Amino acid sequence: MNTLSYPTRSLRKEDVEKKWFLVDAENKTVGRLASQVARIIRGKHKPSFTPHVDCGDVVVIVNAEKVRFSGKKMHQKQYVRYTGYPGGQRFTTPSRLLATHPERVLELAIRRMLPKNRLGRRIFIKNLKIYAGANHPHQAQNPEKLNL
């Protein structure tokens, strides 16, 4: 088979066809769910994947407050942020974060699996919708249920 007869085709952002998927996060492990969702919103599951174009699909995650961690990570894992002031390092655990802002646990896990550039930020904002409860405002897009 002559591979030179198959030229590489790069997609343009106008040629991308986006699909909508619905994921129920109830009783799913955070890391495993995040890696699969990051792959879908980046577009790596498509044969027409182009690294410099947002060719991923849109994923709507519901029941984000019902995710789980394996082992003792729920109480021992720490999220670190910095306020910008001297001595301004702040720590929190997933259990505390789930009590106040349940969507942020999945947001942090998925965001850190995406490229750290303009494209990664655009993919995160445009292709990911996370909701703490079972309801979401995207019924009009007819999201296809995705079992991960």
N, C-alpha and C. Protein backbone atom coordinates (compact mmCIF):
# COMPACT_ATOMS: atom_id res chain seq x y z
N MET A 1 0.85 -1.17 0.00
CA MET A 1 0.00 0.00 0.00
C MET A 1 0.89 1.23 0.00
N ASN A 2 0.66 2.12 -0.88
CA ASN A 2 1.44 3.34 -0.99
C ASN A 2 0.81 4.42 -0.11
N THR A 3 1.50 4.76 0.97
CA THR A 3 0.93 5.75 1.89
C THR A 3 1.02 7.16 1.34
N LEU A 4 1.83 7.37 0.34
CA LEU A 4 1.91 8.71 -0.23
C LEU A 4 0.67 9.06 -1.05
N SER A 5 -0.12 8.07 -1.39
CA SER A 5 -1.33 8.35 -2.16
C SER A 5 -2.48 8.81 -1.25
N TYR A 6 -2.24 8.80 0.07
CA TYR A 6 -3.26 9.26 1.02
C TYR A 6 -2.75 10.54 1.69
N PRO A 7 -3.04 11.68 1.13
CA PRO A 7 -2.53 12.92 1.74
C PRO A 7 -3.24 13.22 3.06
N THR A 8 -2.53 13.84 3.96
CA THR A 8 -3.11 14.22 5.24
C THR A 8 -4.04 15.41 5.04
N ARG A 9 -5.24 15.30 5.52
CA ARG A 9 -6.23 16.37 5.40
C ARG A 9 -6.35 17.07 6.76
N SER A 10 -6.19 18.36 6.77
CA SER A 10 -6.38 19.15 7.97
C SER A 10 -7.73 19.84 7.90
N LEU A 11 -8.46 19.75 8.99
CA LEU A 11 -9.77 20.42 9.05
C LEU A 11 -9.59 21.91 9.28
N ARG A 12 -10.55 22.68 8.81
CA ARG A 12 -10.66 24.08 9.17
C ARG A 12 -11.80 24.19 10.17
N LYS A 13 -11.83 25.28 10.92
CA LYS A 13 -12.88 25.39 11.93
C LYS A 13 -14.27 25.48 11.29
N GLU A 14 -14.36 25.88 10.03
CA GLU A 14 -15.65 25.94 9.34
C GLU A 14 -16.15 24.54 8.97
N ASP A 15 -15.26 23.57 8.83
CA ASP A 15 -15.62 22.22 8.40
C ASP A 15 -16.01 21.30 9.55
N VAL A 16 -15.83 21.74 10.78
CA VAL A 16 -16.07 20.88 11.94
C VAL A 16 -17.56 20.74 12.20
N GLU A 17 -18.01 19.51 12.40
CA GLU A 17 -19.39 19.23 12.79
C GLU A 17 -19.40 18.77 14.24
N LYS A 18 -20.04 19.56 15.09
CA LYS A 18 -20.07 19.25 16.51
C LYS A 18 -21.34 18.48 16.87
N LYS A 19 -21.16 17.48 17.72
CA LYS A 19 -22.28 16.74 18.28
C LYS A 19 -22.37 17.07 19.76
N TRP A 20 -23.53 16.85 20.34
CA TRP A 20 -23.75 17.10 21.77
C TRP A 20 -23.91 15.76 22.47
N PHE A 21 -23.22 15.60 23.59
CA PHE A 21 -23.30 14.37 24.39
C PHE A 21 -23.70 14.72 25.81
N LEU A 22 -24.44 13.80 26.44
CA LEU A 22 -24.86 13.95 27.83
C LEU A 22 -24.22 12.84 28.65
N VAL A 23 -23.54 13.21 29.73
CA VAL A 23 -22.85 12.24 30.59
C VAL A 23 -23.41 12.37 32.00
N ASP A 24 -23.81 11.25 32.58
CA ASP A 24 -24.27 11.23 33.97
C ASP A 24 -23.08 10.84 34.83
N ALA A 25 -22.66 11.73 35.73
CA ALA A 25 -21.45 11.52 36.53
C ALA A 25 -21.71 10.81 37.85
N GLU A 26 -22.92 10.33 38.05
CA GLU A 26 -23.25 9.69 39.32
C GLU A 26 -22.43 8.42 39.52
N ASN A 27 -21.75 8.34 40.67
CA ASN A 27 -20.90 7.20 41.07
C ASN A 27 -19.76 6.92 40.08
N LYS A 28 -19.29 7.94 39.36
CA LYS A 28 -18.14 7.79 38.47
C LYS A 28 -16.90 8.31 39.19
N THR A 29 -15.77 7.67 38.95
CA THR A 29 -14.51 8.13 39.51
C THR A 29 -14.05 9.38 38.75
N VAL A 30 -13.60 10.38 39.48
CA VAL A 30 -13.30 11.69 38.89
C VAL A 30 -12.24 11.61 37.80
N GLY A 31 -11.11 10.98 38.06
CA GLY A 31 -10.02 10.95 37.10
C GLY A 31 -10.34 10.20 35.84
N ARG A 32 -11.00 9.07 35.98
CA ARG A 32 -11.35 8.27 34.80
C ARG A 32 -12.38 8.99 33.94
N LEU A 33 -13.36 9.60 34.59
CA LEU A 33 -14.37 10.36 33.86
C LEU A 33 -13.73 11.57 33.17
N ALA A 34 -12.85 12.27 33.87
CA ALA A 34 -12.23 13.47 33.33
C ALA A 34 -11.37 13.15 32.11
N SER A 35 -10.63 12.05 32.13
CA SER A 35 -9.77 11.74 30.99
C SER A 35 -10.59 11.39 29.76
N GLN A 36 -11.71 10.72 29.94
CA GLN A 36 -12.55 10.37 28.79
C GLN A 36 -13.26 11.60 28.25
N VAL A 37 -13.72 12.48 29.12
CA VAL A 37 -14.40 13.70 28.68
C VAL A 37 -13.41 14.64 28.00
N ALA A 38 -12.20 14.76 28.54
CA ALA A 38 -11.18 15.63 27.93
C ALA A 38 -10.84 15.15 26.53
N ARG A 39 -10.81 13.86 26.30
CA ARG A 39 -10.53 13.30 24.98
C ARG A 39 -11.64 13.68 23.99
N ILE A 40 -12.89 13.65 24.46
CA ILE A 40 -14.02 13.95 23.58
C ILE A 40 -14.10 15.45 23.26
N ILE A 41 -13.93 16.31 24.26
CA ILE A 41 -14.05 17.74 23.98
C ILE A 41 -12.85 18.26 23.19
N ARG A 42 -11.75 17.55 23.23
CA ARG A 42 -10.57 17.92 22.42
C ARG A 42 -10.73 17.43 20.98
N GLY A 43 -11.48 16.33 20.77
CA GLY A 43 -11.71 15.82 19.43
C GLY A 43 -10.82 14.66 19.05
N LYS A 44 -10.09 14.10 20.00
CA LYS A 44 -9.14 13.04 19.69
C LYS A 44 -9.81 11.72 19.33
N HIS A 45 -11.10 11.60 19.56
CA HIS A 45 -11.82 10.37 19.22
C HIS A 45 -12.23 10.34 17.75
N LYS A 46 -12.03 11.44 17.04
CA LYS A 46 -12.44 11.53 15.64
C LYS A 46 -11.28 11.19 14.71
N PRO A 47 -11.56 10.53 13.60
CA PRO A 47 -10.49 10.25 12.64
C PRO A 47 -9.97 11.52 11.96
N SER A 48 -10.75 12.59 11.99
CA SER A 48 -10.35 13.84 11.35
C SER A 48 -9.73 14.81 12.35
N PHE A 49 -9.15 14.31 13.44
CA PHE A 49 -8.56 15.16 14.48
C PHE A 49 -7.45 16.02 13.89
N THR A 50 -7.53 17.31 14.18
CA THR A 50 -6.50 18.26 13.77
C THR A 50 -6.04 18.99 15.03
N PRO A 51 -4.75 18.92 15.37
CA PRO A 51 -4.28 19.44 16.66
C PRO A 51 -4.48 20.94 16.88
N HIS A 52 -4.47 21.75 15.82
CA HIS A 52 -4.54 23.19 16.01
C HIS A 52 -5.95 23.76 15.80
N VAL A 53 -6.97 22.87 15.71
CA VAL A 53 -8.35 23.31 15.48
C VAL A 53 -9.24 22.72 16.57
N ASP A 54 -10.22 23.49 17.01
CA ASP A 54 -11.22 22.97 17.96
C ASP A 54 -12.18 22.07 17.19
N CYS A 55 -11.89 20.78 17.14
CA CYS A 55 -12.74 19.86 16.38
C CYS A 55 -13.46 18.89 17.32
N GLY A 56 -13.52 19.21 18.62
CA GLY A 56 -14.17 18.35 19.59
C GLY A 56 -15.66 18.55 19.64
N ASP A 57 -16.31 17.66 20.37
CA ASP A 57 -17.76 17.73 20.55
C ASP A 57 -18.08 18.40 21.87
N VAL A 58 -19.34 18.76 22.06
CA VAL A 58 -19.79 19.41 23.29
C VAL A 58 -20.29 18.34 24.25
N VAL A 59 -19.84 18.40 25.50
CA VAL A 59 -20.23 17.43 26.52
C VAL A 59 -20.94 18.16 27.64
N VAL A 60 -22.13 17.67 28.01
CA VAL A 60 -22.90 18.19 29.13
C VAL A 60 -22.83 17.14 30.23
N ILE A 61 -22.30 17.52 31.39
CA ILE A 61 -22.16 16.60 32.52
C ILE A 61 -23.19 16.99 33.57
N VAL A 62 -24.00 16.02 34.00
CA VAL A 62 -24.99 16.26 35.06
C VAL A 62 -24.63 15.41 36.28
N ASN A 63 -25.21 15.74 37.42
CA ASN A 63 -24.96 15.07 38.70
C ASN A 63 -23.50 15.14 39.11
N ALA A 64 -22.90 16.30 38.98
CA ALA A 64 -21.49 16.47 39.33
C ALA A 64 -21.25 16.34 40.83
N GLU A 65 -22.28 16.56 41.64
CA GLU A 65 -22.08 16.44 43.09
C GLU A 65 -22.00 15.00 43.55
N LYS A 66 -22.29 14.05 42.67
CA LYS A 66 -22.31 12.64 43.07
C LYS A 66 -21.10 11.87 42.57
N VAL A 67 -20.03 12.58 42.18
CA VAL A 67 -18.81 11.89 41.75
C VAL A 67 -18.09 11.34 42.97
N ARG A 68 -17.15 10.44 42.74
CA ARG A 68 -16.41 9.87 43.86
C ARG A 68 -14.94 9.79 43.53
N PHE A 69 -14.14 9.62 44.55
CA PHE A 69 -12.71 9.41 44.42
C PHE A 69 -12.39 8.02 44.93
N SER A 70 -11.32 7.42 44.42
CA SER A 70 -10.91 6.12 44.94
C SER A 70 -9.97 6.34 46.12
N GLY A 71 -9.91 5.38 46.99
CA GLY A 71 -9.01 5.46 48.14
C GLY A 71 -9.41 6.55 49.11
N LYS A 72 -8.41 7.21 49.68
CA LYS A 72 -8.65 8.26 50.67
C LYS A 72 -8.50 9.65 50.09
N LYS A 73 -8.59 9.76 48.77
CA LYS A 73 -8.36 11.05 48.11
C LYS A 73 -9.39 12.10 48.48
N MET A 74 -10.59 11.70 48.83
CA MET A 74 -11.65 12.65 49.15
C MET A 74 -11.24 13.57 50.30
N HIS A 75 -10.44 13.05 51.25
CA HIS A 75 -10.05 13.85 52.41
C HIS A 75 -8.56 14.17 52.43
N GLN A 76 -7.73 13.43 51.68
CA GLN A 76 -6.29 13.66 51.73
C GLN A 76 -5.75 14.48 50.56
N LYS A 77 -6.41 14.44 49.42
CA LYS A 77 -5.96 15.22 48.26
C LYS A 77 -6.14 16.70 48.57
N GLN A 78 -5.23 17.54 48.07
CA GLN A 78 -5.33 18.97 48.30
C GLN A 78 -5.27 19.73 46.99
N TYR A 79 -6.17 20.70 46.86
CA TYR A 79 -6.12 21.65 45.76
C TYR A 79 -5.44 22.90 46.29
N VAL A 80 -4.46 23.41 45.55
CA VAL A 80 -3.69 24.57 45.99
C VAL A 80 -3.98 25.73 45.05
N ARG A 81 -4.19 26.91 45.61
CA ARG A 81 -4.31 28.12 44.81
C ARG A 81 -3.54 29.21 45.52
N TYR A 82 -3.23 30.26 44.80
CA TYR A 82 -2.41 31.34 45.34
C TYR A 82 -3.12 32.66 45.10
N THR A 83 -3.28 33.46 46.14
CA THR A 83 -4.02 34.71 46.04
C THR A 83 -3.21 35.82 45.38
N GLY A 84 -1.89 35.70 45.38
CA GLY A 84 -1.04 36.73 44.81
C GLY A 84 -0.36 37.57 45.87
N TYR A 85 -0.74 37.39 47.12
CA TYR A 85 -0.14 38.12 48.22
C TYR A 85 0.85 37.24 48.98
N PRO A 86 1.81 37.83 49.68
CA PRO A 86 2.74 37.02 50.47
C PRO A 86 1.98 36.21 51.52
N GLY A 87 2.28 34.94 51.60
CA GLY A 87 1.58 34.05 52.53
C GLY A 87 0.18 33.73 52.08
N GLY A 88 -0.13 33.92 50.80
CA GLY A 88 -1.48 33.77 50.30
C GLY A 88 -1.78 32.43 49.67
N GLN A 89 -1.05 31.40 50.05
CA GLN A 89 -1.33 30.07 49.51
C GLN A 89 -2.53 29.49 50.26
N ARG A 90 -3.53 29.02 49.50
CA ARG A 90 -4.75 28.48 50.11
C ARG A 90 -4.93 27.03 49.69
N PHE A 91 -5.35 26.21 50.63
CA PHE A 91 -5.53 24.78 50.39
C PHE A 91 -6.97 24.40 50.66
N THR A 92 -7.47 23.44 49.90
CA THR A 92 -8.80 22.89 50.16
C THR A 92 -8.82 21.43 49.73
N THR A 93 -9.76 20.67 50.25
CA THR A 93 -9.88 19.26 49.91
C THR A 93 -11.10 19.06 49.00
N PRO A 94 -11.15 17.94 48.28
CA PRO A 94 -12.32 17.68 47.44
C PRO A 94 -13.63 17.62 48.22
N SER A 95 -13.61 17.10 49.45
CA SER A 95 -14.86 17.03 50.21
C SER A 95 -15.39 18.43 50.52
N ARG A 96 -14.51 19.37 50.85
CA ARG A 96 -14.93 20.74 51.12
C ARG A 96 -15.39 21.43 49.83
N LEU A 97 -14.70 21.14 48.73
CA LEU A 97 -15.05 21.75 47.45
C LEU A 97 -16.40 21.22 46.94
N LEU A 98 -16.65 19.92 47.14
CA LEU A 98 -17.94 19.35 46.73
C LEU A 98 -19.09 19.93 47.53
N ALA A 99 -18.83 20.29 48.79
CA ALA A 99 -19.89 20.86 49.62
C ALA A 99 -20.27 22.26 49.17
N THR A 100 -19.29 23.04 48.68
CA THR A 100 -19.58 24.42 48.31
C THR A 100 -19.82 24.60 46.81
N HIS A 101 -18.91 24.09 45.97
CA HIS A 101 -18.99 24.24 44.51
C HIS A 101 -18.75 22.88 43.86
N PRO A 102 -19.77 22.02 43.74
CA PRO A 102 -19.56 20.66 43.25
C PRO A 102 -19.04 20.56 41.82
N GLU A 103 -19.31 21.56 40.98
CA GLU A 103 -18.85 21.49 39.58
C GLU A 103 -17.35 21.67 39.47
N ARG A 104 -16.75 22.37 40.41
CA ARG A 104 -15.33 22.73 40.30
C ARG A 104 -14.40 21.54 40.38
N VAL A 105 -14.80 20.46 41.05
CA VAL A 105 -13.94 19.28 41.12
C VAL A 105 -13.70 18.72 39.73
N LEU A 106 -14.77 18.55 38.97
CA LEU A 106 -14.62 18.05 37.60
C LEU A 106 -13.98 19.09 36.69
N GLU A 107 -14.31 20.37 36.89
CA GLU A 107 -13.70 21.42 36.07
C GLU A 107 -12.19 21.41 36.19
N LEU A 108 -11.69 21.33 37.43
CA LEU A 108 -10.24 21.33 37.65
C LEU A 108 -9.59 20.10 37.03
N ALA A 109 -10.22 18.94 37.18
CA ALA A 109 -9.64 17.72 36.64
C ALA A 109 -9.57 17.76 35.12
N ILE A 110 -10.63 18.23 34.48
CA ILE A 110 -10.68 18.24 33.02
C ILE A 110 -9.79 19.35 32.46
N ARG A 111 -9.82 20.54 33.07
CA ARG A 111 -9.02 21.66 32.57
C ARG A 111 -7.53 21.32 32.57
N ARG A 112 -7.08 20.59 33.57
CA ARG A 112 -5.66 20.27 33.67
C ARG A 112 -5.23 19.20 32.67
N MET A 113 -6.18 18.58 31.98
CA MET A 113 -5.86 17.58 30.95
C MET A 113 -5.87 18.18 29.55
N LEU A 114 -6.19 19.44 29.43
CA LEU A 114 -6.25 20.11 28.13
C LEU A 114 -4.96 20.90 27.88
N PRO A 115 -4.70 21.31 26.63
CA PRO A 115 -3.51 22.10 26.35
C PRO A 115 -3.53 23.42 27.12
N LYS A 116 -2.35 23.87 27.53
CA LYS A 116 -2.24 25.12 28.29
C LYS A 116 -1.96 26.26 27.33
N ASN A 117 -2.93 26.61 26.49
CA ASN A 117 -2.78 27.70 25.53
C ASN A 117 -4.17 28.25 25.17
N ARG A 118 -4.23 29.12 24.16
CA ARG A 118 -5.50 29.74 23.78
C ARG A 118 -6.52 28.69 23.35
N LEU A 119 -6.05 27.70 22.60
CA LEU A 119 -6.97 26.66 22.12
C LEU A 119 -7.55 25.87 23.29
N GLY A 120 -6.72 25.53 24.27
CA GLY A 120 -7.21 24.80 25.44
C GLY A 120 -8.26 25.57 26.21
N ARG A 121 -8.03 26.88 26.36
CA ARG A 121 -9.01 27.70 27.07
C ARG A 121 -10.32 27.79 26.29
N ARG A 122 -10.24 27.91 24.98
CA ARG A 122 -11.45 27.98 24.15
C ARG A 122 -12.22 26.67 24.20
N ILE A 123 -11.51 25.55 24.12
CA ILE A 123 -12.14 24.24 24.18
C ILE A 123 -12.86 24.06 25.51
N PHE A 124 -12.21 24.47 26.61
CA PHE A 124 -12.80 24.31 27.93
C PHE A 124 -14.08 25.12 28.08
N ILE A 125 -14.08 26.35 27.59
CA ILE A 125 -15.24 27.22 27.74
C ILE A 125 -16.38 26.81 26.81
N LYS A 126 -16.07 26.49 25.54
CA LYS A 126 -17.11 26.25 24.55
C LYS A 126 -17.65 24.82 24.57
N ASN A 127 -16.83 23.84 24.90
CA ASN A 127 -17.22 22.44 24.71
C ASN A 127 -17.60 21.70 25.99
N LEU A 128 -17.56 22.36 27.14
CA LEU A 128 -17.84 21.66 28.39
C LEU A 128 -18.88 22.41 29.20
N LYS A 129 -19.94 21.72 29.58
CA LYS A 129 -21.00 22.28 30.42
C LYS A 129 -21.20 21.31 31.59
N ILE A 130 -21.03 21.81 32.83
CA ILE A 130 -21.12 20.95 34.01
C ILE A 130 -22.22 21.50 34.92
N TYR A 131 -23.08 20.61 35.40
CA TYR A 131 -24.17 20.98 36.29
C TYR A 131 -24.19 20.05 37.50
N ALA A 132 -24.45 20.63 38.68
CA ALA A 132 -24.43 19.86 39.91
C ALA A 132 -25.61 18.90 39.99
N GLY A 133 -26.76 19.30 39.55
CA GLY A 133 -27.95 18.46 39.64
C GLY A 133 -28.23 17.69 38.36
N ALA A 134 -29.42 17.12 38.29
CA ALA A 134 -29.79 16.30 37.14
C ALA A 134 -30.39 17.13 36.00
N ASN A 135 -30.73 18.39 36.25
CA ASN A 135 -31.34 19.23 35.22
C ASN A 135 -30.28 20.06 34.50
N HIS A 136 -30.52 20.32 33.22
CA HIS A 136 -29.64 21.17 32.43
C HIS A 136 -30.46 21.92 31.39
N PRO A 137 -30.01 23.10 30.95
CA PRO A 137 -30.80 23.91 30.01
C PRO A 137 -30.50 23.63 28.54
N HIS A 138 -29.96 22.46 28.21
CA HIS A 138 -29.55 22.17 26.83
C HIS A 138 -30.43 21.10 26.17
N GLN A 139 -31.70 21.06 26.53
CA GLN A 139 -32.61 20.08 25.95
C GLN A 139 -32.82 20.32 24.46
N ALA A 140 -32.76 21.58 24.03
CA ALA A 140 -33.02 21.91 22.63
C ALA A 140 -31.95 21.35 21.69
N GLN A 141 -30.75 21.08 22.20
CA GLN A 141 -29.68 20.55 21.36
C GLN A 141 -29.77 19.03 21.20
N ASN A 142 -30.71 18.40 21.87
CA ASN A 142 -30.89 16.95 21.84
C ASN A 142 -29.58 16.20 22.07
N PRO A 143 -28.98 16.35 23.27
CA PRO A 143 -27.72 15.66 23.52
C PRO A 143 -27.90 14.15 23.54
N GLU A 144 -26.97 13.46 22.93
CA GLU A 144 -27.00 12.00 22.87
C GLU A 144 -26.38 11.45 24.14
N LYS A 145 -27.06 10.52 24.80
CA LYS A 145 -26.56 9.95 26.06
C LYS A 145 -25.31 9.14 25.79
N LEU A 146 -24.28 9.39 26.59
CA LEU A 146 -22.99 8.75 26.39
C LEU A 146 -22.65 7.95 27.65
N ASN A 147 -22.44 6.65 27.50
CA ASN A 147 -22.07 5.79 28.62
C ASN A 147 -20.56 5.64 28.66
N LEU A 148 -19.92 6.18 29.69
CA LEU A 148 -18.48 6.09 29.82
C LEU A 148 -18.12 5.10 30.91
